N, C-alpha and C. Protein backbone atom coordinates (compact mmCIF):
# COMPACT_ATOMS: atom_id res chain seq x y z
N MET A 1 30.17 6.66 -51.70
CA MET A 1 30.72 7.68 -52.91
C MET A 1 30.57 9.23 -52.36
N ALA A 2 29.59 9.24 -51.51
CA ALA A 2 29.38 10.99 -51.01
C ALA A 2 30.69 11.31 -49.95
N TYR A 3 30.66 10.52 -49.43
CA TYR A 3 32.22 10.42 -48.32
C TYR A 3 33.48 10.87 -49.61
N LEU A 4 33.52 10.37 -50.32
CA LEU A 4 34.77 10.37 -50.93
C LEU A 4 34.63 12.14 -51.92
N GLU A 5 33.54 12.59 -52.50
CA GLU A 5 33.13 13.43 -52.60
C GLU A 5 33.46 14.90 -51.54
N GLU A 6 33.02 14.71 -50.63
CA GLU A 6 33.22 15.63 -49.51
C GLU A 6 34.50 15.63 -49.19
N GLY A 7 35.46 14.18 -49.12
CA GLY A 7 36.63 14.48 -48.68
C GLY A 7 37.45 15.31 -49.39
N ILE A 8 36.97 14.65 -51.10
CA ILE A 8 38.08 15.77 -51.82
C ILE A 8 37.60 17.00 -52.12
N PHE A 9 36.05 17.28 -51.87
CA PHE A 9 36.11 18.83 -51.80
C PHE A 9 36.95 19.72 -50.48
N VAL A 10 36.69 18.81 -49.16
CA VAL A 10 37.10 19.26 -47.83
C VAL A 10 38.97 19.96 -48.70
N ALA A 11 39.50 18.79 -49.13
CA ALA A 11 40.49 18.74 -49.32
C ALA A 11 40.90 19.73 -50.24
N TYR A 12 40.28 20.32 -51.45
CA TYR A 12 40.65 21.68 -52.14
C TYR A 12 40.55 22.71 -51.29
N LEU A 13 39.35 22.40 -50.50
CA LEU A 13 38.99 23.80 -49.87
C LEU A 13 40.52 24.17 -48.64
N ALA A 14 40.93 22.58 -48.16
CA ALA A 14 42.05 23.01 -47.39
C ALA A 14 43.52 23.73 -47.68
N PHE A 15 43.79 23.36 -49.07
CA PHE A 15 44.62 23.66 -50.01
C PHE A 15 44.30 25.35 -50.12
N SER A 16 43.21 25.26 -51.21
CA SER A 16 42.86 26.66 -51.41
C SER A 16 43.35 27.60 -49.92
N ILE A 17 42.59 27.52 -49.17
CA ILE A 17 43.06 28.01 -47.93
C ILE A 17 44.65 28.61 -47.63
N PHE A 18 45.01 27.25 -47.40
CA PHE A 18 46.77 27.58 -47.54
C PHE A 18 47.12 28.21 -48.53
N PHE A 19 47.32 28.25 -49.62
CA PHE A 19 47.41 28.80 -50.58
C PHE A 19 47.02 30.55 -50.51
N LEU A 20 45.57 30.57 -50.06
CA LEU A 20 45.33 32.18 -49.73
C LEU A 20 46.34 32.53 -48.81
N VAL A 21 46.56 31.94 -47.84
CA VAL A 21 47.38 32.45 -46.47
C VAL A 21 48.81 32.89 -46.72
N ALA A 22 49.30 32.12 -47.87
CA ALA A 22 50.10 32.13 -48.28
C ALA A 22 50.18 33.77 -49.28
N TYR A 23 49.43 33.68 -50.30
CA TYR A 23 49.43 34.82 -50.81
C TYR A 23 49.40 36.35 -49.87
N LYS A 24 48.43 35.94 -48.85
CA LYS A 24 47.92 37.06 -48.10
C LYS A 24 49.26 37.51 -46.91
N LEU A 25 50.09 36.55 -46.74
CA LEU A 25 51.70 37.00 -46.54
C LEU A 25 52.51 37.36 -46.77
N ASP A 26 52.34 37.40 -48.56
CA ASP A 26 53.46 37.93 -49.17
C ASP A 26 54.46 36.85 -49.90
N GLN A 27 54.12 35.56 -49.58
CA GLN A 27 55.14 34.38 -49.54
C GLN A 27 55.19 33.87 -51.08
N ILE A 28 54.20 34.26 -51.89
CA ILE A 28 53.85 33.87 -53.10
C ILE A 28 52.90 35.22 -53.66
N SER A 29 53.38 35.00 -54.99
CA SER A 29 52.69 36.29 -55.90
C SER A 29 51.43 35.67 -56.12
N PHE A 30 50.65 36.67 -57.06
CA PHE A 30 49.30 36.58 -57.01
C PHE A 30 49.01 35.48 -58.37
N VAL A 31 50.43 35.38 -59.24
CA VAL A 31 49.95 34.57 -60.50
C VAL A 31 50.44 33.36 -59.62
N ALA A 32 51.31 33.20 -58.75
CA ALA A 32 51.47 31.60 -58.25
C ALA A 32 49.95 31.33 -57.49
N PHE A 33 49.39 32.05 -57.02
CA PHE A 33 48.26 32.05 -56.28
C PHE A 33 47.16 31.35 -56.97
N VAL A 34 47.01 31.88 -58.35
CA VAL A 34 46.07 31.61 -59.13
C VAL A 34 46.84 30.02 -59.86
N VAL A 35 47.85 30.54 -60.34
CA VAL A 35 48.16 28.73 -61.22
C VAL A 35 48.17 27.65 -59.88
N SER A 36 48.59 27.69 -58.79
CA SER A 36 48.19 27.18 -57.58
C SER A 36 47.35 26.80 -57.56
N LEU A 37 45.93 27.33 -57.20
CA LEU A 37 44.39 26.93 -57.31
C LEU A 37 43.96 26.03 -58.79
N VAL A 38 44.63 26.61 -59.86
CA VAL A 38 44.26 25.97 -61.28
C VAL A 38 44.75 24.31 -60.65
N VAL A 39 45.83 24.32 -60.62
CA VAL A 39 47.18 23.13 -60.63
C VAL A 39 46.32 22.21 -59.49
N THR A 40 45.96 22.48 -58.36
CA THR A 40 45.13 21.83 -57.13
C THR A 40 43.79 21.26 -57.28
N ALA A 41 43.68 22.14 -58.67
CA ALA A 41 42.01 21.83 -58.91
C ALA A 41 41.81 20.68 -60.00
N LEU A 42 43.00 20.75 -60.55
CA LEU A 42 43.30 19.60 -61.81
C LEU A 42 43.45 18.34 -61.26
N VAL A 43 44.26 18.29 -59.94
CA VAL A 43 44.87 16.94 -59.95
C VAL A 43 43.67 16.55 -58.98
N HIS A 44 43.25 17.29 -58.42
CA HIS A 44 41.94 16.79 -57.29
C HIS A 44 40.82 16.04 -58.50
N ALA A 45 40.44 16.63 -59.30
CA ALA A 45 39.77 16.10 -60.31
C ALA A 45 40.46 14.92 -61.17
N ALA A 46 41.40 14.90 -61.48
CA ALA A 46 42.04 14.27 -61.74
C ALA A 46 42.36 12.46 -60.57
N PHE A 47 42.39 12.95 -59.42
CA PHE A 47 42.15 12.05 -58.39
C PHE A 47 40.90 11.48 -58.61
N TYR A 48 39.68 12.12 -58.35
CA TYR A 48 38.62 11.69 -58.57
C TYR A 48 38.41 10.64 -59.25
N LEU A 49 38.86 11.47 -60.56
CA LEU A 49 38.34 10.63 -61.59
C LEU A 49 39.23 8.93 -61.95
N LEU A 50 40.63 9.25 -61.62
CA LEU A 50 41.06 7.63 -61.31
C LEU A 50 40.37 6.86 -60.12
N VAL A 51 40.08 7.79 -59.17
CA VAL A 51 39.27 6.48 -58.34
C VAL A 51 38.17 5.74 -58.76
N LEU A 52 37.34 6.59 -59.39
CA LEU A 52 35.96 6.23 -60.27
C LEU A 52 36.08 5.29 -60.92
N LYS A 53 37.38 5.26 -62.02
CA LYS A 53 37.38 4.44 -62.94
C LYS A 53 38.05 3.15 -62.21
N TYR A 54 39.16 3.22 -61.15
CA TYR A 54 39.88 2.23 -61.02
C TYR A 54 39.25 1.60 -59.32
N TRP A 55 38.58 2.38 -58.68
CA TRP A 55 38.50 1.64 -57.49
C TRP A 55 37.02 0.89 -57.20
N PRO A 56 37.71 -0.40 -57.44
CA PRO A 56 36.27 -1.42 -57.66
C PRO A 56 34.84 -1.15 -56.78
N ILE A 57 35.37 -0.35 -55.24
CA ILE A 57 34.06 -0.24 -54.32
C ILE A 57 32.84 0.07 -54.97
N PHE A 58 33.24 1.55 -55.56
CA PHE A 58 32.32 2.27 -56.87
C PHE A 58 31.52 1.55 -57.89
C-alpha cells in the first residue's frame, strides 16, 4: 500500500512541477495555475479512493 501512496504522491509532484514551470514560462496564467493544481489534486485523490475501493489486492 505504501508504494501506491508514494506513486500517487510522486505523480502529483510531477504534475505540480510541470504546471509551475508552465506558469513561470508565462504559458499559463496564475488562475490557470491554481485551477490546474486543484484539479490535479482532486483527480489524484479520486484515483486513490477508487483504487482503495475496487482493487482487491488491498
